[in-house]
Amino acid sequence: MTLIEKIPTLSDAELKTLLSNARRLDVTGTPDQRRQVAEVITPLEREASRRRAKTARR
């Protein structure tokens, strides 16, 4: 299972930590790390946004 496939199964805390780390590496990471982050940051952002919207509807 890839990281992208695991995103929906992450706890809120795990998602928050992973997204925070991805954002940090997107700015300060090596070129290779930044390429890897580019593959997962959009799905992470989408999942975080989906969860925020779900919480706001309650």
PDB file of N, CA and C in Angstrom:
ATOM      1  N   MET A   1       0.848  -1.172   0.000  1.00  0.00           N
ATOM      2  CA  MET A   1       0.000   0.000   0.000  1.00  0.00           C
ATOM      3  C   MET A   1       0.898   1.243   0.000  1.00  0.00           C
ATOM      4  N   THR A   2       0.597   2.176  -0.870  1.00  0.00           N
ATOM      5  CA  THR A   2       1.385   3.403  -0.953  1.00  0.00           C
ATOM      6  C   THR A   2       0.918   4.405   0.099  1.00  0.00           C
ATOM      7  N   LEU A   3       1.720   5.417   0.314  1.00  0.00           N
ATOM      8  CA  LEU A   3       1.352   6.457   1.268  1.00  0.00           C
ATOM      9  C   LEU A   3       0.049   7.131   0.845  1.00  0.00           C
ATOM     10  N   ILE A   4      -0.105   7.393  -0.416  1.00  0.00           N
ATOM     11  CA  ILE A   4      -1.325   8.045  -0.898  1.00  0.00           C
ATOM     12  C   ILE A   4      -2.549   7.185  -0.599  1.00  0.00           C
ATOM     13  N   GLU A   5      -2.414   5.885  -0.726  1.00  0.00           N
ATOM     14  CA  GLU A   5      -3.525   4.985  -0.419  1.00  0.00           C
ATOM     15  C   GLU A   5      -3.831   4.947   1.075  1.00  0.00           C
ATOM     16  N   LYS A   6      -2.831   5.191   1.904  1.00  0.00           N
ATOM     17  CA  LYS A   6      -3.008   5.152   3.353  1.00  0.00           C
ATOM     18  C   LYS A   6      -3.621   6.428   3.927  1.00  0.00           C
ATOM     19  N   ILE A   7      -3.574   7.518   3.196  1.00  0.00           N
ATOM     20  CA  ILE A   7      -4.024   8.812   3.723  1.00  0.00           C
ATOM     21  C   ILE A   7      -5.419   8.755   4.349  1.00  0.00           C
ATOM     22  N   PRO A   8      -6.423   8.172   3.695  1.00  0.00           N
ATOM     23  CA  PRO A   8      -7.759   8.147   4.311  1.00  0.00           C
ATOM     24  C   PRO A   8      -7.829   7.371   5.624  1.00  0.00           C
ATOM     25  N   THR A   9      -6.878   6.477   5.853  1.00  0.00           N
ATOM     26  CA  THR A   9      -6.909   5.662   7.066  1.00  0.00           C
ATOM     27  C   THR A   9      -6.126   6.277   8.228  1.00  0.00           C
ATOM     28  N   LEU A  10      -5.439   7.378   7.985  1.00  0.00           N
ATOM     29  CA  LEU A  10      -4.654   8.023   9.031  1.00  0.00           C
ATOM     30  C   LEU A  10      -5.567   8.662  10.068  1.00  0.00           C
ATOM     31  N   SER A  11      -5.114   8.669  11.299  1.00  0.00           N
ATOM     32  CA  SER A  11      -5.852   9.407  12.329  1.00  0.00           C
ATOM     33  C   SER A  11      -5.678  10.902  12.058  1.00  0.00           C
ATOM     34  N   ASP A  12      -6.503  11.716  12.682  1.00  0.00           N
ATOM     35  CA  ASP A  12      -6.378  13.157  12.507  1.00  0.00           C
ATOM     36  C   ASP A  12      -4.992  13.641  12.927  1.00  0.00           C
ATOM     37  N   ALA A  13      -4.481  13.108  14.024  1.00  0.00           N
ATOM     38  CA  ALA A  13      -3.160  13.505  14.519  1.00  0.00           C
ATOM     39  C   ALA A  13      -2.064  13.099  13.529  1.00  0.00           C
ATOM     40  N   GLU A  14      -2.169  11.898  12.984  1.00  0.00           N
ATOM     41  CA  GLU A  14      -1.177  11.435  12.005  1.00  0.00           C
ATOM     42  C   GLU A  14      -1.217  12.301  10.746  1.00  0.00           C
ATOM     43  N   LEU A  15      -2.419  12.622  10.295  1.00  0.00           N
ATOM     44  CA  LEU A  15      -2.570  13.467   9.112  1.00  0.00           C
ATOM     45  C   LEU A  15      -1.968  14.842   9.362  1.00  0.00           C
ATOM     46  N   LYS A  16      -2.255  15.409  10.517  1.00  0.00           N
ATOM     47  CA  LYS A  16      -1.730  16.729  10.848  1.00  0.00           C
ATOM     48  C   LYS A  16      -0.203  16.725  10.872  1.00  0.00           C
ATOM     49  N   THR A  17       0.383  15.703  11.476  1.00  0.00           N
ATOM     50  CA  THR A  17       1.838  15.608  11.557  1.00  0.00           C
ATOM     51  C   THR A  17       2.457  15.420  10.175  1.00  0.00           C
ATOM     52  N   LEU A  18       1.891  14.531   9.391  1.00  0.00           N
ATOM     53  CA  LEU A  18       2.419  14.273   8.058  1.00  0.00           C
ATOM     54  C   LEU A  18       2.313  15.507   7.173  1.00  0.00           C
ATOM     55  N   LEU A  19       1.195  16.205   7.246  1.00  0.00           N
ATOM     56  CA  LEU A  19       1.017  17.407   6.445  1.00  0.00           C
ATOM     57  C   LEU A  19       1.996  18.497   6.882  1.00  0.00           C
ATOM     58  N   SER A  20       2.190  18.634   8.180  1.00  0.00           N
ATOM     59  CA  SER A  20       3.147  19.613   8.687  1.00  0.00           C
ATOM     60  C   SER A  20       4.564  19.310   8.193  1.00  0.00           C
ATOM     61  N   ASN A  21       4.945  18.046   8.265  1.00  0.00           N
ATOM     62  CA  ASN A  21       6.269  17.646   7.791  1.00  0.00           C
ATOM     63  C   ASN A  21       6.413  17.862   6.286  1.00  0.00           C
ATOM     64  N   ALA A  22       5.370  17.558   5.534  1.00  0.00           N
ATOM     65  CA  ALA A  22       5.412  17.746   4.083  1.00  0.00           C
ATOM     66  C   ALA A  22       5.561  19.224   3.740  1.00  0.00           C
ATOM     67  N   ARG A  23       4.831  20.074   4.420  1.00  0.00           N
ATOM     68  CA  ARG A  23       4.944  21.519   4.172  1.00  0.00           C
ATOM     69  C   ARG A  23       6.344  22.009   4.483  1.00  0.00           C
ATOM     70  N   ARG A  24       6.917  21.523   5.585  1.00  0.00           N
ATOM     71  CA  ARG A  24       8.272  21.935   5.978  1.00  0.00           C
ATOM     72  C   ARG A  24       9.289  21.476   4.934  1.00  0.00           C
ATOM     73  N   LEU A  25       9.205  20.216   4.526  1.00  0.00           N
ATOM     74  CA  LEU A  25      10.151  19.700   3.535  1.00  0.00           C
ATOM     75  C   LEU A  25       9.976  20.354   2.173  1.00  0.00           C
ATOM     76  N   ASP A  26       8.780  20.798   1.867  1.00  0.00           N
ATOM     77  CA  ASP A  26       8.538  21.481   0.595  1.00  0.00           C
ATOM     78  C   ASP A  26       9.334  22.779   0.519  1.00  0.00           C
ATOM     79  N   VAL A  27       9.634  23.351   1.672  1.00  0.00           N
ATOM     80  CA  VAL A  27      10.380  24.613   1.724  1.00  0.00           C
ATOM     81  C   VAL A  27      11.872  24.368   1.995  1.00  0.00           C
ATOM     82  N   THR A  28      12.173  23.473   2.924  1.00  0.00           N
ATOM     83  CA  THR A  28      13.554  23.331   3.384  1.00  0.00           C
ATOM     84  C   THR A  28      14.220  22.028   2.957  1.00  0.00           C
ATOM     85  N   GLY A  29      13.506  21.158   2.285  1.00  0.00           N
ATOM     86  CA  GLY A  29      14.053  19.854   1.930  1.00  0.00           C
ATOM     87  C   GLY A  29      15.040  19.905   0.780  1.00  0.00           C
ATOM     88  N   THR A  30      15.722  18.794   0.618  1.00  0.00           N
ATOM     89  CA  THR A  30      16.626  18.649  -0.522  1.00  0.00           C
ATOM     90  C   THR A  30      15.786  18.567  -1.794  1.00  0.00           C
ATOM     91  N   PRO A  31      16.410  18.739  -2.950  1.00  0.00           N
ATOM     92  CA  PRO A  31      15.629  18.613  -4.195  1.00  0.00           C
ATOM     93  C   PRO A  31      14.890  17.280  -4.300  1.00  0.00           C
ATOM     94  N   ASP A  32      15.523  16.188  -3.863  1.00  0.00           N
ATOM     95  CA  ASP A  32      14.854  14.887  -3.916  1.00  0.00           C
ATOM     96  C   ASP A  32      13.649  14.841  -2.967  1.00  0.00           C
ATOM     97  N   GLN A  33      13.814  15.369  -1.756  1.00  0.00           N
ATOM     98  CA  GLN A  33      12.703  15.412  -0.799  1.00  0.00           C
ATOM     99  C   GLN A  33      11.566  16.267  -1.336  1.00  0.00           C
ATOM    100  N   ARG A  34      11.902  17.374  -1.960  1.00  0.00           N
ATOM    101  CA  ARG A  34      10.867  18.264  -2.506  1.00  0.00           C
ATOM    102  C   ARG A  34      10.106  17.588  -3.643  1.00  0.00           C
ATOM    103  N   ARG A  35      10.785  16.791  -4.449  1.00  0.00           N
ATOM    104  CA  ARG A  35      10.099  16.039  -5.511  1.00  0.00           C
ATOM    105  C   ARG A  35       9.143  15.014  -4.908  1.00  0.00           C
ATOM    106  N   GLN A  36       9.586  14.341  -3.863  1.00  0.00           N
ATOM    107  CA  GLN A  36       8.740  13.346  -3.211  1.00  0.00           C
ATOM    108  C   GLN A  36       7.519  14.004  -2.562  1.00  0.00           C
ATOM    109  N   VAL A  37       7.730  15.135  -1.924  1.00  0.00           N
ATOM    110  CA  VAL A  37       6.628  15.867  -1.293  1.00  0.00           C
ATOM    111  C   VAL A  37       5.617  16.316  -2.339  1.00  0.00           C
ATOM    112  N   ALA A  38       6.097  16.719  -3.487  1.00  0.00           N
ATOM    113  CA  ALA A  38       5.195  17.186  -4.543  1.00  0.00           C
ATOM    114  C   ALA A  38       4.167  16.127  -4.923  1.00  0.00           C
ATOM    115  N   GLU A  39       4.524  14.855  -4.755  1.00  0.00           N
ATOM    116  CA  GLU A  39       3.608  13.774  -5.100  1.00  0.00           C
ATOM    117  C   GLU A  39       2.501  13.572  -4.069  1.00  0.00           C
ATOM    118  N   VAL A  40       2.760  13.925  -2.823  1.00  0.00           N
ATOM    119  CA  VAL A  40       1.787  13.613  -1.767  1.00  0.00           C
ATOM    120  C   VAL A  40       1.113  14.828  -1.137  1.00  0.00           C
ATOM    121  N   ILE A  41       1.637  16.019  -1.353  1.00  0.00           N
ATOM    122  CA  ILE A  41       1.097  17.165  -0.625  1.00  0.00           C
ATOM    123  C   ILE A  41      -0.338  17.490  -1.046  1.00  0.00           C
ATOM    124  N   THR A  42      -0.660  17.372  -2.315  1.00  0.00           N
ATOM    125  CA  THR A  42      -2.032  17.665  -2.749  1.00  0.00           C
ATOM    126  C   THR A  42      -3.035  16.681  -2.147  1.00  0.00           C
ATOM    127  N   PRO A  43      -2.774  15.370  -2.204  1.00  0.00           N
ATOM    128  CA  PRO A  43      -3.711  14.456  -1.547  1.00  0.00           C
ATOM    129  C   PRO A  43      -3.818  14.693  -0.036  1.00  0.00           C
ATOM    130  N   LEU A  44      -2.714  15.052   0.611  1.00  0.00           N
ATOM    131  CA  LEU A  44      -2.761  15.356   2.045  1.00  0.00           C
ATOM    132  C   LEU A  44      -3.628  16.579   2.307  1.00  0.00           C
ATOM    133  N   GLU A  45      -3.434  17.620   1.516  1.00  0.00           N
ATOM    134  CA  GLU A  45      -4.219  18.851   1.664  1.00  0.00           C
ATOM    135  C   GLU A  45      -5.704  18.574   1.434  1.00  0.00           C
ATOM    136  N   ARG A  46      -6.014  17.773   0.423  1.00  0.00           N
ATOM    137  CA  ARG A  46      -7.416  17.448   0.122  1.00  0.00           C
ATOM    138  C   ARG A  46      -8.075  16.723   1.292  1.00  0.00           C
ATOM    139  N   GLU A  47      -7.370  15.759   1.857  1.00  0.00           N
ATOM    140  CA  GLU A  47      -7.931  14.988   2.974  1.00  0.00           C
ATOM    141  C   GLU A  47      -8.121  15.885   4.195  1.00  0.00           C
ATOM    142  N   ALA A  48      -7.159  16.750   4.467  1.00  0.00           N
ATOM    143  CA  ALA A  48      -7.289  17.668   5.606  1.00  0.00           C
ATOM    144  C   ALA A  48      -8.472  18.605   5.389  1.00  0.00           C
ATOM    145  N   SER A  49      -8.627  19.099   4.179  1.00  0.00           N
ATOM    146  CA  SER A  49      -9.744  19.977   3.856  1.00  0.00           C
ATOM    147  C   SER A  49     -11.079  19.248   3.993  1.00  0.00           C
ATOM    148  N   ARG A  50     -11.132  18.013   3.511  1.00  0.00           N
ATOM    149  CA  ARG A  50     -12.359  17.216   3.607  1.00  0.00           C
ATOM    150  C   ARG A  50     -12.751  17.017   5.063  1.00  0.00           C
ATOM    151  N   ARG A  51     -11.774  16.737   5.908  1.00  0.00           N
ATOM    152  CA  ARG A  51     -12.061  16.515   7.326  1.00  0.00           C
ATOM    153  C   ARG A  51     -12.494  17.800   8.016  1.00  0.00           C
ATOM    154  N   ARG A  52     -11.890  18.926   7.648  1.00  0.00           N
ATOM    155  CA  ARG A  52     -12.317  20.210   8.227  1.00  0.00           C
ATOM    156  C   ARG A  52     -13.751  20.523   7.847  1.00  0.00           C
ATOM    157  N   ALA A  53     -14.104  20.280   6.592  1.00  0.00           N
ATOM    158  CA  ALA A  53     -15.467  20.537   6.123  1.00  0.00           C
ATOM    159  C   ALA A  53     -16.461  19.628   6.832  1.00  0.00           C
ATOM    160  N   LYS A  54     -16.086  18.385   7.031  1.00  0.00           N
ATOM    161  CA  LYS A  54     -16.951  17.432   7.722  1.00  0.00           C
ATOM    162  C   LYS A  54     -17.190  17.886   9.151  1.00  0.00           C
ATOM    163  N   THR A  55     -16.150  18.361   9.817  1.00  0.00           N
ATOM    164  CA  THR A  55     -16.259  18.844  11.195  1.00  0.00           C
ATOM    165  C   THR A  55     -17.110  20.112  11.248  1.00  0.00           C
ATOM    166  N   ALA A  56     -16.974  20.984  10.272  1.00  0.00           N
ATOM    167  CA  ALA A  56     -17.734  22.236  10.267  1.00  0.00           C
ATOM    168  C   ALA A  56     -19.215  22.002  10.061  1.00  0.00           C
ATOM    169  N   ARG A  57     -19.586  20.934   9.395  1.00  0.00           N
ATOM    170  CA  ARG A  57     -21.008  20.633   9.150  1.00  0.00           C
ATOM    171  C   ARG A  57     -21.717  20.101  10.390  1.00  0.00           C
ATOM    172  N   ARG A  58     -20.968  19.675  11.359  1.00  0.00           N
ATOM    173  CA  ARG A  58     -21.580  19.080  12.563  1.00  0.00           C
ATOM    174  C   ARG A  58     -22.197  20.120  13.438  1.00  0.00           C
TER     175      ARG A  58
END
